[in-house]
């Protein structure tokens, strides 16, 4: 029956992965919006230097933060996917082992 507990843990990781993927979608959507705002800010500035534009600088900083957050989410999702895969294998092996023991015991 150990495999039932392991399967429950796998399901919890799957739920966490879905939550992270949802957050990743939100972050990517926000990053796309920021990129669009940066483009509009650059157009509005014309020939002016953007290095001194506080709005553009703030947008760059937010874009950088969002990129870092996306990378972090990617790493977390990969780790959870690896853990899910490992737990799937563990469940499969426990089921096979249990079936083998039942056959031997019969």
N, C-alpha and C. Protein backbone atom coordinates (compact mmCIF):
# COMPACT_ATOMS: atom_id res chain seq x y z
N UNK A 1 0.80 -1.22 0.00
CA UNK A 1 0.00 0.00 0.00
C UNK A 1 0.85 1.28 0.00
N UNK A 2 2.13 1.11 0.11
CA UNK A 2 3.02 2.26 0.07
C UNK A 2 2.84 3.06 -1.21
N UNK A 3 2.56 2.34 -2.29
CA UNK A 3 2.44 3.02 -3.58
C UNK A 3 1.29 4.01 -3.60
N UNK A 4 0.27 3.80 -2.76
CA UNK A 4 -0.85 4.76 -2.71
C UNK A 4 -0.39 6.09 -2.12
N UNK A 5 0.43 6.04 -1.10
CA UNK A 5 0.97 7.26 -0.51
C UNK A 5 1.91 7.96 -1.49
N UNK A 6 2.70 7.18 -2.20
CA UNK A 6 3.62 7.75 -3.18
C UNK A 6 2.83 8.38 -4.32
N UNK A 7 1.76 7.72 -4.75
CA UNK A 7 0.92 8.25 -5.81
C UNK A 7 0.25 9.55 -5.37
N UNK A 8 -0.16 9.62 -4.11
CA UNK A 8 -0.76 10.85 -3.58
C UNK A 8 0.26 11.99 -3.60
N UNK A 9 1.51 11.67 -3.26
CA UNK A 9 2.57 12.68 -3.29
C UNK A 9 2.80 13.15 -4.73
N UNK A 10 2.77 12.21 -5.68
CA UNK A 10 2.93 12.54 -7.10
C UNK A 10 1.82 13.48 -7.54
N UNK A 11 0.61 13.20 -7.10
CA UNK A 11 -0.52 14.06 -7.45
C UNK A 11 -0.37 15.46 -6.86
N UNK A 12 0.17 15.55 -5.67
CA UNK A 12 0.43 16.86 -5.05
C UNK A 12 1.46 17.63 -5.87
N UNK A 13 2.52 16.95 -6.30
CA UNK A 13 3.53 17.60 -7.13
C UNK A 13 2.93 18.05 -8.47
N UNK A 14 2.04 17.25 -9.01
CA UNK A 14 1.39 17.61 -10.27
C UNK A 14 0.56 18.88 -10.08
N UNK A 15 -0.11 18.98 -8.96
CA UNK A 15 -0.89 20.19 -8.65
C UNK A 15 0.03 21.40 -8.50
N UNK A 16 1.15 21.22 -7.81
CA UNK A 16 2.11 22.31 -7.65
C UNK A 16 2.68 22.74 -9.00
N UNK A 17 2.95 21.77 -9.86
CA UNK A 17 3.46 22.08 -11.19
C UNK A 17 2.45 22.92 -11.96
N UNK A 18 1.19 22.57 -11.87
CA UNK A 18 0.13 23.33 -12.56
C UNK A 18 0.07 24.76 -12.04
N UNK A 19 0.22 24.92 -10.74
CA UNK A 19 0.21 26.26 -10.15
C UNK A 19 1.41 27.07 -10.65
N UNK A 20 2.57 26.46 -10.71
CA UNK A 20 3.75 27.15 -11.21
C UNK A 20 3.62 27.51 -12.68
N UNK A 21 3.02 26.62 -13.46
CA UNK A 21 2.82 26.90 -14.88
C UNK A 21 1.84 28.06 -15.06
N UNK A 22 0.84 28.13 -14.21
CA UNK A 22 -0.10 29.25 -14.26
C UNK A 22 0.62 30.56 -13.94
N UNK A 23 1.43 30.53 -12.89
CA UNK A 23 2.20 31.73 -12.53
C UNK A 23 3.16 32.11 -13.65
N UNK A 24 3.75 31.12 -14.29
CA UNK A 24 4.66 31.36 -15.40
C UNK A 24 3.92 32.06 -16.55
N UNK A 25 2.71 31.63 -16.82
CA UNK A 25 1.90 32.25 -17.87
C UNK A 25 1.61 33.71 -17.53
N UNK A 26 1.30 33.97 -16.27
CA UNK A 26 1.06 35.36 -15.84
C UNK A 26 2.31 36.22 -15.98
N UNK A 27 3.44 35.67 -15.58
CA UNK A 27 4.71 36.40 -15.68
C UNK A 27 5.04 36.70 -17.14
N UNK A 28 4.86 35.72 -18.00
CA UNK A 28 5.16 35.92 -19.41
C UNK A 28 4.21 36.95 -20.04
N UNK A 29 2.98 36.91 -19.63
CA UNK A 29 2.00 37.88 -20.13
C UNK A 29 2.38 39.29 -19.69
N UNK A 30 2.77 39.41 -18.44
CA UNK A 30 3.19 40.72 -17.91
C UNK A 30 4.45 41.19 -18.64
N UNK A 31 5.38 40.30 -18.88
CA UNK A 31 6.62 40.66 -19.59
C UNK A 31 6.32 41.15 -21.00
N UNK A 32 5.39 40.50 -21.68
CA UNK A 32 5.01 40.94 -23.02
C UNK A 32 4.39 42.34 -22.98
N UNK A 33 3.59 42.59 -21.97
CA UNK A 33 2.97 43.90 -21.80
C UNK A 33 4.04 44.97 -21.55
N UNK A 34 5.01 44.64 -20.70
CA UNK A 34 6.11 45.57 -20.39
C UNK A 34 6.91 45.87 -21.65
N UNK A 35 7.18 44.85 -22.45
CA UNK A 35 7.92 45.04 -23.70
C UNK A 35 7.17 46.00 -24.63
N UNK A 36 5.86 45.84 -24.68
CA UNK A 36 5.04 46.72 -25.50
C UNK A 36 5.10 48.16 -24.97
N UNK A 37 5.05 48.31 -23.65
CA UNK A 37 5.14 49.64 -23.05
C UNK A 37 6.51 50.27 -23.32
N UNK A 38 7.56 49.48 -23.28
CA UNK A 38 8.90 49.99 -23.56
C UNK A 38 8.99 50.50 -24.99
N UNK A 39 8.39 49.76 -25.89
CA UNK A 39 8.38 50.16 -27.29
C UNK A 39 7.64 51.48 -27.47
N UNK A 40 6.50 51.60 -26.82
CA UNK A 40 5.73 52.84 -26.90
C UNK A 40 6.49 54.01 -26.28
N UNK A 41 7.17 53.74 -25.19
CA UNK A 41 7.96 54.78 -24.52
C UNK A 41 9.10 55.23 -25.42
N UNK A 42 9.74 54.28 -26.10
CA UNK A 42 10.84 54.61 -27.02
C UNK A 42 10.33 55.43 -28.19
N UNK A 43 9.16 55.08 -28.71
CA UNK A 43 8.58 55.85 -29.82
C UNK A 43 8.25 57.27 -29.38
N UNK A 44 7.70 57.40 -28.19
CA UNK A 44 7.31 58.72 -27.68
C UNK A 44 8.54 59.59 -27.41
N UNK A 45 9.64 58.95 -27.03
CA UNK A 45 10.86 59.71 -26.72
C UNK A 45 11.53 60.23 -27.98
N UNK A 46 11.27 59.56 -29.09
CA UNK A 46 11.88 60.01 -30.35
C UNK A 46 13.39 59.89 -30.30
N UNK A 47 14.07 61.02 -30.50
CA UNK A 47 15.53 61.03 -30.52
C UNK A 47 16.15 61.23 -29.14
N UNK A 48 15.33 61.38 -28.12
CA UNK A 48 15.84 61.61 -26.77
C UNK A 48 16.52 60.35 -26.23
N UNK A 49 17.48 60.58 -25.35
CA UNK A 49 18.23 59.48 -24.74
C UNK A 49 17.35 58.75 -23.73
N UNK A 50 17.14 57.46 -23.91
CA UNK A 50 16.29 56.67 -23.02
C UNK A 50 16.98 56.32 -21.71
N UNK A 51 18.31 56.45 -21.66
CA UNK A 51 19.05 56.14 -20.44
C UNK A 51 18.69 57.07 -19.29
N UNK A 52 18.12 58.23 -19.60
CA UNK A 52 17.74 59.19 -18.56
C UNK A 52 16.23 59.27 -18.39
N UNK A 53 15.49 58.44 -19.10
CA UNK A 53 14.04 58.44 -19.02
C UNK A 53 13.61 57.54 -17.86
N UNK A 54 13.05 58.13 -16.77
CA UNK A 54 12.70 57.33 -15.59
C UNK A 54 11.65 56.25 -15.87
N UNK A 55 10.72 56.54 -16.76
CA UNK A 55 9.69 55.55 -17.09
C UNK A 55 10.33 54.36 -17.79
N UNK A 56 11.19 54.64 -18.75
CA UNK A 56 11.84 53.57 -19.50
C UNK A 56 12.75 52.74 -18.58
N UNK A 57 13.45 53.42 -17.69
CA UNK A 57 14.34 52.73 -16.75
C UNK A 57 13.53 51.81 -15.83
N UNK A 58 12.40 52.29 -15.34
CA UNK A 58 11.54 51.48 -14.48
C UNK A 58 11.01 50.26 -15.24
N UNK A 59 10.65 50.46 -16.48
CA UNK A 59 10.18 49.35 -17.30
C UNK A 59 11.28 48.31 -17.53
N UNK A 60 12.49 48.80 -17.77
CA UNK A 60 13.63 47.88 -17.94
C UNK A 60 13.87 47.05 -16.68
N UNK A 61 13.77 47.71 -15.53
CA UNK A 61 13.99 47.01 -14.27
C UNK A 61 12.90 45.95 -14.03
N UNK A 62 11.67 46.31 -14.35
CA UNK A 62 10.59 45.34 -14.18
C UNK A 62 10.75 44.18 -15.16
N UNK A 63 11.15 44.49 -16.38
CA UNK A 63 11.38 43.44 -17.38
C UNK A 63 12.48 42.50 -16.91
N UNK A 64 13.53 43.05 -16.34
CA UNK A 64 14.63 42.23 -15.83
C UNK A 64 14.15 41.33 -14.69
N UNK A 65 13.37 41.90 -13.78
CA UNK A 65 12.82 41.12 -12.66
C UNK A 65 11.95 39.98 -13.20
N UNK A 66 11.09 40.29 -14.16
CA UNK A 66 10.19 39.28 -14.71
C UNK A 66 10.96 38.17 -15.41
N UNK A 67 12.03 38.52 -16.09
CA UNK A 67 12.86 37.51 -16.76
C UNK A 67 13.51 36.59 -15.71
N UNK A 68 13.99 37.18 -14.63
CA UNK A 68 14.58 36.39 -13.55
C UNK A 68 13.53 35.48 -12.93
N UNK A 69 12.35 36.01 -12.71
CA UNK A 69 11.24 35.22 -12.13
C UNK A 69 10.87 34.07 -13.06
N UNK A 70 10.82 34.33 -14.35
CA UNK A 70 10.49 33.29 -15.33
C UNK A 70 11.54 32.18 -15.29
N UNK A 71 12.81 32.55 -15.24
CA UNK A 71 13.88 31.56 -15.16
C UNK A 71 13.76 30.71 -13.90
N UNK A 72 13.42 31.37 -12.80
CA UNK A 72 13.23 30.65 -11.54
C UNK A 72 12.07 29.66 -11.64
N UNK A 73 10.98 30.10 -12.24
CA UNK A 73 9.82 29.22 -12.42
C UNK A 73 10.17 28.05 -13.33
N UNK A 74 10.91 28.32 -14.39
CA UNK A 74 11.36 27.24 -15.29
C UNK A 74 12.14 26.18 -14.51
N UNK A 75 13.04 26.63 -13.66
CA UNK A 75 13.85 25.70 -12.86
C UNK A 75 12.98 24.90 -11.90
N UNK A 76 12.05 25.58 -11.24
CA UNK A 76 11.16 24.88 -10.30
C UNK A 76 10.29 23.86 -11.01
N UNK A 77 9.79 24.21 -12.18
CA UNK A 77 8.95 23.29 -12.96
C UNK A 77 9.77 22.07 -13.38
N UNK A 78 10.99 22.29 -13.81
CA UNK A 78 11.85 21.18 -14.21
C UNK A 78 12.12 20.25 -13.03
N UNK A 79 12.39 20.82 -11.87
CA UNK A 79 12.63 20.00 -10.68
C UNK A 79 11.40 19.18 -10.32
N UNK A 80 10.24 19.80 -10.38
CA UNK A 80 9.01 19.08 -10.05
C UNK A 80 8.72 18.00 -11.09
N UNK A 81 8.96 18.30 -12.36
CA UNK A 81 8.77 17.28 -13.40
C UNK A 81 9.67 16.08 -13.16
N UNK A 82 10.91 16.33 -12.76
CA UNK A 82 11.83 15.23 -12.45
C UNK A 82 11.34 14.42 -11.25
N UNK A 83 10.84 15.11 -10.25
CA UNK A 83 10.32 14.43 -9.06
C UNK A 83 9.09 13.61 -9.40
N UNK A 84 8.20 14.15 -10.23
CA UNK A 84 7.00 13.43 -10.66
C UNK A 84 7.40 12.16 -11.41
N UNK A 85 8.35 12.29 -12.31
CA UNK A 85 8.82 11.14 -13.07
C UNK A 85 9.40 10.07 -12.15
N UNK A 86 10.18 10.50 -11.19
CA UNK A 86 10.77 9.58 -10.23
C UNK A 86 9.69 8.86 -9.42
N UNK A 87 8.69 9.63 -8.99
CA UNK A 87 7.61 9.02 -8.22
C UNK A 87 6.77 8.06 -9.07
N UNK A 88 6.57 8.39 -10.34
CA UNK A 88 5.85 7.48 -11.24
C UNK A 88 6.58 6.15 -11.32
N UNK A 89 7.90 6.22 -11.48
CA UNK A 89 8.70 5.00 -11.56
C UNK A 89 8.62 4.22 -10.25
N UNK A 90 8.66 4.93 -9.14
CA UNK A 90 8.59 4.29 -7.84
C UNK A 90 7.24 3.59 -7.66
N UNK A 91 6.16 4.24 -8.05
CA UNK A 91 4.82 3.63 -7.96
C UNK A 91 4.76 2.39 -8.83
N UNK A 92 5.23 2.51 -10.06
CA UNK A 92 5.20 1.36 -10.98
C UNK A 92 5.99 0.20 -10.41
N UNK A 93 7.17 0.48 -9.89
CA UNK A 93 8.00 -0.59 -9.32
C UNK A 93 7.36 -1.21 -8.09
N UNK A 94 6.71 -0.40 -7.25
CA UNK A 94 6.04 -0.93 -6.07
C UNK A 94 4.86 -1.81 -6.46
N UNK A 95 4.13 -1.40 -7.49
CA UNK A 95 2.99 -2.20 -7.95
C UNK A 95 3.49 -3.53 -8.51
N UNK A 96 4.54 -3.46 -9.33
CA UNK A 96 5.11 -4.69 -9.89
C UNK A 96 5.61 -5.62 -8.79
N UNK A 97 6.29 -5.03 -7.83
CA UNK A 97 6.82 -5.81 -6.72
C UNK A 97 5.68 -6.45 -5.92
N UNK A 98 4.64 -5.69 -5.67
CA UNK A 98 3.49 -6.20 -4.92
C UNK A 98 2.81 -7.33 -5.67
N UNK A 99 2.65 -7.18 -6.98
CA UNK A 99 2.04 -8.22 -7.79
C UNK A 99 2.90 -9.48 -7.81
N UNK A 100 4.21 -9.30 -7.90
CA UNK A 100 5.13 -10.43 -7.91
C UNK A 100 5.04 -11.18 -6.59
N UNK A 101 4.99 -10.45 -5.48
CA UNK A 101 4.89 -11.08 -4.16
C UNK A 101 3.57 -11.83 -4.03
N UNK A 102 2.50 -11.26 -4.57
CA UNK A 102 1.20 -11.93 -4.52
C UNK A 102 1.21 -13.21 -5.33
N UNK A 103 1.89 -13.19 -6.50
CA UNK A 103 1.98 -14.40 -7.32
C UNK A 103 2.82 -15.47 -6.64
N UNK A 104 3.89 -15.05 -6.01
CA UNK A 104 4.78 -15.99 -5.32
C UNK A 104 4.06 -16.59 -4.11
N UNK A 105 3.29 -15.76 -3.45
CA UNK A 105 2.58 -16.21 -2.24
C UNK A 105 1.39 -17.09 -2.54
N UNK A 106 0.92 -17.10 -3.76
CA UNK A 106 -0.28 -17.89 -4.09
C UNK A 106 0.03 -19.35 -4.28
